[in-house]
Amino acid sequence: MGHYTFAILTAIPRLGLIIICNVEFVMIADSPALACGLIVASMFPALIFPLILLGVQ
């Protein structure tokens, strides 16, 4: 990781946190498919809540 990578991670703290969490999922998972599944599952509450609100409106 170079200086520019850390500059991006510190410039946008939320984006940096999301990137670090996703990298940890990739490191923990044994396969790329499992890593993608974990990433999507971790984002599921953030994806489903706006859809529920749109359905209610």
PDB file of N, CA and C in Angstrom:
ATOM      1  N   MET A   1       0.840  -1.182   0.000  1.00  0.00           N
ATOM      2  CA  MET A   1       0.000   0.000   0.000  1.00  0.00           C
ATOM      3  C   MET A   1       0.878   1.234   0.000  1.00  0.00           C
ATOM      4  N   GLY A   2       0.545   2.101  -0.879  1.00  0.00           N
ATOM      5  CA  GLY A   2       1.336   3.309  -0.983  1.00  0.00           C
ATOM      6  C   GLY A   2       0.696   4.483  -0.268  1.00  0.00           C
ATOM      7  N   HIS A   3       1.342   5.610  -0.407  1.00  0.00           N
ATOM      8  CA  HIS A   3       0.887   6.837   0.235  1.00  0.00           C
ATOM      9  C   HIS A   3      -0.489   7.262  -0.277  1.00  0.00           C
ATOM     10  N   TYR A   4      -0.727   7.079  -1.573  1.00  0.00           N
ATOM     11  CA  TYR A   4      -1.997   7.500  -2.159  1.00  0.00           C
ATOM     12  C   TYR A   4      -3.168   6.672  -1.638  1.00  0.00           C
ATOM     13  N   THR A   5      -2.931   5.408  -1.375  1.00  0.00           N
ATOM     14  CA  THR A   5      -3.997   4.566  -0.823  1.00  0.00           C
ATOM     15  C   THR A   5      -4.430   5.077   0.531  1.00  0.00           C
ATOM     16  N   PHE A   6      -3.475   5.375   1.391  1.00  0.00           N
ATOM     17  CA  PHE A   6      -3.820   5.886   2.708  1.00  0.00           C
ATOM     18  C   PHE A   6      -4.414   7.288   2.619  1.00  0.00           C
ATOM     19  N   ALA A   7      -4.018   8.060   1.636  1.00  0.00           N
ATOM     20  CA  ALA A   7      -4.598   9.391   1.460  1.00  0.00           C
ATOM     21  C   ALA A   7      -6.081   9.284   1.124  1.00  0.00           C
ATOM     22  N   ILE A   8      -6.454   8.311   0.294  1.00  0.00           N
ATOM     23  CA  ILE A   8      -7.865   8.104  -0.040  1.00  0.00           C
ATOM     24  C   ILE A   8      -8.621   7.613   1.179  1.00  0.00           C
ATOM     25  N   LEU A   9      -8.043   6.677   1.917  1.00  0.00           N
ATOM     26  CA  LEU A   9      -8.730   6.120   3.084  1.00  0.00           C
ATOM     27  C   LEU A   9      -8.956   7.164   4.162  1.00  0.00           C
ATOM     28  N   THR A  10      -8.052   8.113   4.312  1.00  0.00           N
ATOM     29  CA  THR A  10      -8.228   9.136   5.336  1.00  0.00           C
ATOM     30  C   THR A  10      -9.024  10.330   4.840  1.00  0.00           C
ATOM     31  N   ALA A  11      -9.068  10.550   3.524  1.00  0.00           N
ATOM     32  CA  ALA A  11      -9.824  11.673   2.979  1.00  0.00           C
ATOM     33  C   ALA A  11     -11.326  11.435   3.117  1.00  0.00           C
ATOM     34  N   ILE A  12     -11.741  10.217   2.919  1.00  0.00           N
ATOM     35  CA  ILE A  12     -13.156   9.858   3.030  1.00  0.00           C
ATOM     36  C   ILE A  12     -13.241   8.739   4.079  1.00  0.00           C
ATOM     37  N   PRO A  13     -13.418   9.088   5.344  1.00  0.00           N
ATOM     38  CA  PRO A  13     -13.348   8.075   6.400  1.00  0.00           C
ATOM     39  C   PRO A  13     -14.340   6.925   6.239  1.00  0.00           C
ATOM     40  N   ARG A  14     -15.570   7.213   5.826  1.00  0.00           N
ATOM     41  CA  ARG A  14     -16.539   6.130   5.674  1.00  0.00           C
ATOM     42  C   ARG A  14     -16.151   5.183   4.550  1.00  0.00           C
ATOM     43  N   LEU A  15     -15.670   5.732   3.475  1.00  0.00           N
ATOM     44  CA  LEU A  15     -15.232   4.890   2.370  1.00  0.00           C
ATOM     45  C   LEU A  15     -14.052   4.023   2.802  1.00  0.00           C
ATOM     46  N   GLY A  16     -13.137   4.610   3.549  1.00  0.00           N
ATOM     47  CA  GLY A  16     -11.999   3.853   4.058  1.00  0.00           C
ATOM     48  C   GLY A  16     -12.435   2.721   4.962  1.00  0.00           C
ATOM     49  N   LEU A  17     -13.429   2.968   5.807  1.00  0.00           N
ATOM     50  CA  LEU A  17     -13.930   1.929   6.711  1.00  0.00           C
ATOM     51  C   LEU A  17     -14.580   0.803   5.921  1.00  0.00           C
ATOM     52  N   ILE A  18     -15.339   1.150   4.910  1.00  0.00           N
ATOM     53  CA  ILE A  18     -15.984   0.131   4.076  1.00  0.00           C
ATOM     54  C   ILE A  18     -14.931  -0.696   3.341  1.00  0.00           C
ATOM     55  N   ILE A  19     -13.914  -0.029   2.809  1.00  0.00           N
ATOM     56  CA  ILE A  19     -12.862  -0.743   2.083  1.00  0.00           C
ATOM     57  C   ILE A  19     -12.105  -1.686   3.011  1.00  0.00           C
ATOM     58  N   ILE A  20     -11.783  -1.227   4.203  1.00  0.00           N
ATOM     59  CA  ILE A  20     -11.036  -2.070   5.144  1.00  0.00           C
ATOM     60  C   ILE A  20     -11.867  -3.274   5.555  1.00  0.00           C
ATOM     61  N   CYS A  21     -13.160  -3.075   5.819  1.00  0.00           N
ATOM     62  CA  CYS A  21     -14.028  -4.206   6.171  1.00  0.00           C
ATOM     63  C   CYS A  21     -14.119  -5.214   5.032  1.00  0.00           C
ATOM     64  N   ASN A  22     -14.250  -4.723   3.805  1.00  0.00           N
ATOM     65  CA  ASN A  22     -14.336  -5.627   2.655  1.00  0.00           C
ATOM     66  C   ASN A  22     -13.041  -6.395   2.444  1.00  0.00           C
ATOM     67  N   VAL A  23     -11.926  -5.753   2.655  1.00  0.00           N
ATOM     68  CA  VAL A  23     -10.637  -6.447   2.537  1.00  0.00           C
ATOM     69  C   VAL A  23     -10.522  -7.530   3.605  1.00  0.00           C
ATOM     70  N   GLU A  24     -11.010  -7.252   4.794  1.00  0.00           N
ATOM     71  CA  GLU A  24     -10.989  -8.269   5.853  1.00  0.00           C
ATOM     72  C   GLU A  24     -11.873  -9.456   5.482  1.00  0.00           C
ATOM     73  N   PHE A  25     -13.036  -9.203   4.873  1.00  0.00           N
ATOM     74  CA  PHE A  25     -13.891 -10.306   4.429  1.00  0.00           C
ATOM     75  C   PHE A  25     -13.169 -11.161   3.397  1.00  0.00           C
ATOM     76  N   VAL A  26     -12.458 -10.535   2.479  1.00  0.00           N
ATOM     77  CA  VAL A  26     -11.726 -11.277   1.461  1.00  0.00           C
ATOM     78  C   VAL A  26     -10.613 -12.104   2.091  1.00  0.00           C
ATOM     79  N   MET A  27      -9.946 -11.548   3.093  1.00  0.00           N
ATOM     80  CA  MET A  27      -8.852 -12.278   3.747  1.00  0.00           C
ATOM     81  C   MET A  27      -9.382 -13.461   4.565  1.00  0.00           C
ATOM     82  N   ILE A  28     -10.547 -13.307   5.171  1.00  0.00           N
ATOM     83  CA  ILE A  28     -11.113 -14.374   6.005  1.00  0.00           C
ATOM     84  C   ILE A  28     -11.673 -15.507   5.150  1.00  0.00           C
ATOM     85  N   ALA A  29     -12.330 -15.158   4.052  1.00  0.00           N
ATOM     86  CA  ALA A  29     -13.013 -16.157   3.219  1.00  0.00           C
ATOM     87  C   ALA A  29     -12.003 -17.043   2.494  1.00  0.00           C
ATOM     88  N   ASP A  30     -12.433 -18.271   2.264  1.00  0.00           N
ATOM     89  CA  ASP A  30     -11.581 -19.214   1.543  1.00  0.00           C
ATOM     90  C   ASP A  30     -11.698 -19.068   0.040  1.00  0.00           C
ATOM     91  N   SER A  31     -12.847 -18.616  -0.419  1.00  0.00           N
ATOM     92  CA  SER A  31     -13.058 -18.508  -1.865  1.00  0.00           C
ATOM     93  C   SER A  31     -13.591 -17.121  -2.220  1.00  0.00           C
ATOM     94  N   PRO A  32     -13.399 -16.698  -3.460  1.00  0.00           N
ATOM     95  CA  PRO A  32     -13.930 -15.397  -3.883  1.00  0.00           C
ATOM     96  C   PRO A  32     -15.453 -15.329  -3.812  1.00  0.00           C
ATOM     97  N   ALA A  33     -16.137 -16.452  -4.092  1.00  0.00           N
ATOM     98  CA  ALA A  33     -17.596 -16.469  -4.035  1.00  0.00           C
ATOM     99  C   ALA A  33     -18.072 -16.251  -2.603  1.00  0.00           C
ATOM    100  N   LEU A  34     -17.404 -16.865  -1.645  1.00  0.00           N
ATOM    101  CA  LEU A  34     -17.763 -16.681  -0.240  1.00  0.00           C
ATOM    102  C   LEU A  34     -17.491 -15.241   0.190  1.00  0.00           C
ATOM    103  N   ALA A  35     -16.405 -14.677  -0.283  1.00  0.00           N
ATOM    104  CA  ALA A  35     -16.088 -13.284   0.055  1.00  0.00           C
ATOM    105  C   ALA A  35     -17.157 -12.342  -0.495  1.00  0.00           C
ATOM    106  N   CYS A  36     -17.578 -12.565  -1.734  1.00  0.00           N
ATOM    107  CA  CYS A  36     -18.640 -11.727  -2.313  1.00  0.00           C
ATOM    108  C   CYS A  36     -19.937 -11.899  -1.542  1.00  0.00           C
ATOM    109  N   GLY A  37     -20.234 -13.111  -1.141  1.00  0.00           N
ATOM    110  CA  GLY A  37     -21.436 -13.361  -0.350  1.00  0.00           C
ATOM    111  C   GLY A  37     -21.400 -12.641   0.988  1.00  0.00           C
ATOM    112  N   LEU A  38     -20.253 -12.656   1.645  1.00  0.00           N
ATOM    113  CA  LEU A  38     -20.122 -11.954   2.922  1.00  0.00           C
ATOM    114  C   LEU A  38     -20.250 -10.449   2.752  1.00  0.00           C
ATOM    115  N   ILE A  39     -19.682  -9.922   1.696  1.00  0.00           N
ATOM    116  CA  ILE A  39     -19.766  -8.480   1.448  1.00  0.00           C
ATOM    117  C   ILE A  39     -21.206  -8.072   1.171  1.00  0.00           C
ATOM    118  N   VAL A  40     -21.902  -8.844   0.340  1.00  0.00           N
ATOM    119  CA  VAL A  40     -23.300  -8.527   0.039  1.00  0.00           C
ATOM    120  C   VAL A  40     -24.162  -8.685   1.286  1.00  0.00           C
ATOM    121  N   ALA A  41     -23.907  -9.725   2.084  1.00  0.00           N
ATOM    122  CA  ALA A  41     -24.685  -9.926   3.305  1.00  0.00           C
ATOM    123  C   ALA A  41     -24.447  -8.797   4.302  1.00  0.00           C
ATOM    124  N   SER A  42     -23.249  -8.265   4.340  1.00  0.00           N
ATOM    125  CA  SER A  42     -22.982  -7.172   5.272  1.00  0.00           C
ATOM    126  C   SER A  42     -23.646  -5.874   4.812  1.00  0.00           C
ATOM    127  N   MET A  43     -23.859  -5.735   3.497  1.00  0.00           N
ATOM    128  CA  MET A  43     -24.510  -4.537   2.974  1.00  0.00           C
ATOM    129  C   MET A  43     -26.020  -4.698   2.880  1.00  0.00           C
ATOM    130  N   PHE A  44     -26.542  -5.887   3.125  1.00  0.00           N
ATOM    131  CA  PHE A  44     -27.959  -6.158   2.940  1.00  0.00           C
ATOM    132  C   PHE A  44     -28.869  -5.236   3.748  1.00  0.00           C
ATOM    133  N   PRO A  45     -28.605  -4.986   5.038  1.00  0.00           N
ATOM    134  CA  PRO A  45     -29.488  -4.060   5.763  1.00  0.00           C
ATOM    135  C   PRO A  45     -29.498  -2.659   5.153  1.00  0.00           C
ATOM    136  N   ALA A  46     -28.389  -2.196   4.679  1.00  0.00           N
ATOM    137  CA  ALA A  46     -28.327  -0.870   4.073  1.00  0.00           C
ATOM    138  C   ALA A  46     -29.028  -0.841   2.713  1.00  0.00           C
ATOM    139  N   LEU A  47     -29.095  -1.987   2.045  1.00  0.00           N
ATOM    140  CA  LEU A  47     -29.765  -2.041   0.750  1.00  0.00           C
ATOM    141  C   LEU A  47     -31.265  -2.246   0.893  1.00  0.00           C
ATOM    142  N   ILE A  48     -31.683  -3.030   1.877  1.00  0.00           N
ATOM    143  CA  ILE A  48     -33.093  -3.390   1.982  1.00  0.00           C
ATOM    144  C   ILE A  48     -33.922  -2.293   2.644  1.00  0.00           C
ATOM    145  N   PHE A  49     -33.342  -1.530   3.547  1.00  0.00           N
ATOM    146  CA  PHE A  49     -34.106  -0.489   4.260  1.00  0.00           C
ATOM    147  C   PHE A  49     -34.673   0.569   3.320  1.00  0.00           C
ATOM    148  N   PRO A  50     -33.889   1.135   2.387  1.00  0.00           N
ATOM    149  CA  PRO A  50     -34.478   2.098   1.441  1.00  0.00           C
ATOM    150  C   PRO A  50     -35.549   1.476   0.548  1.00  0.00           C
ATOM    151  N   LEU A  51     -35.390   0.187   0.189  1.00  0.00           N
ATOM    152  CA  LEU A  51     -36.401  -0.472  -0.618  1.00  0.00           C
ATOM    153  C   LEU A  51     -37.712  -0.617   0.143  1.00  0.00           C
ATOM    154  N   ILE A  52     -37.630  -0.899   1.435  1.00  0.00           N
ATOM    155  CA  ILE A  52     -38.840  -0.997   2.260  1.00  0.00           C
ATOM    156  C   ILE A  52     -39.515   0.369   2.346  1.00  0.00           C
ATOM    157  N   LEU A  53     -38.717   1.413   2.523  1.00  0.00           N
ATOM    158  CA  LEU A  53     -39.299   2.748   2.602  1.00  0.00           C
ATOM    159  C   LEU A  53     -39.973   3.150   1.292  1.00  0.00           C
ATOM    160  N   LEU A  54     -39.389   2.769   0.164  1.00  0.00           N
ATOM    161  CA  LEU A  54     -40.008   3.074  -1.116  1.00  0.00           C
ATOM    162  C   LEU A  54     -41.322   2.326  -1.286  1.00  0.00           C
ATOM    163  N   GLY A  55     -41.362   1.097  -0.798  1.00  0.00           N
ATOM    164  CA  GLY A  55     -42.596   0.307  -0.878  1.00  0.00           C
ATOM    165  C   GLY A  55     -43.690   0.873  -0.002  1.00  0.00           C
ATOM    166  N   VAL A  56     -43.336   1.424   1.146  1.00  0.00           N
ATOM    167  CA  VAL A  56     -44.317   1.992   2.062  1.00  0.00           C
ATOM    168  C   VAL A  56     -44.881   3.288   1.506  1.00  0.00           C
ATOM    169  N   GLN A  57     -44.055   4.065   0.852  1.00  0.00           N
ATOM    170  CA  GLN A  57     -44.510   5.346   0.308  1.00  0.00           C
ATOM    171  C   GLN A  57     -45.413   5.077  -0.865  1.00  0.00           C
TER     172      GLN A  57
END
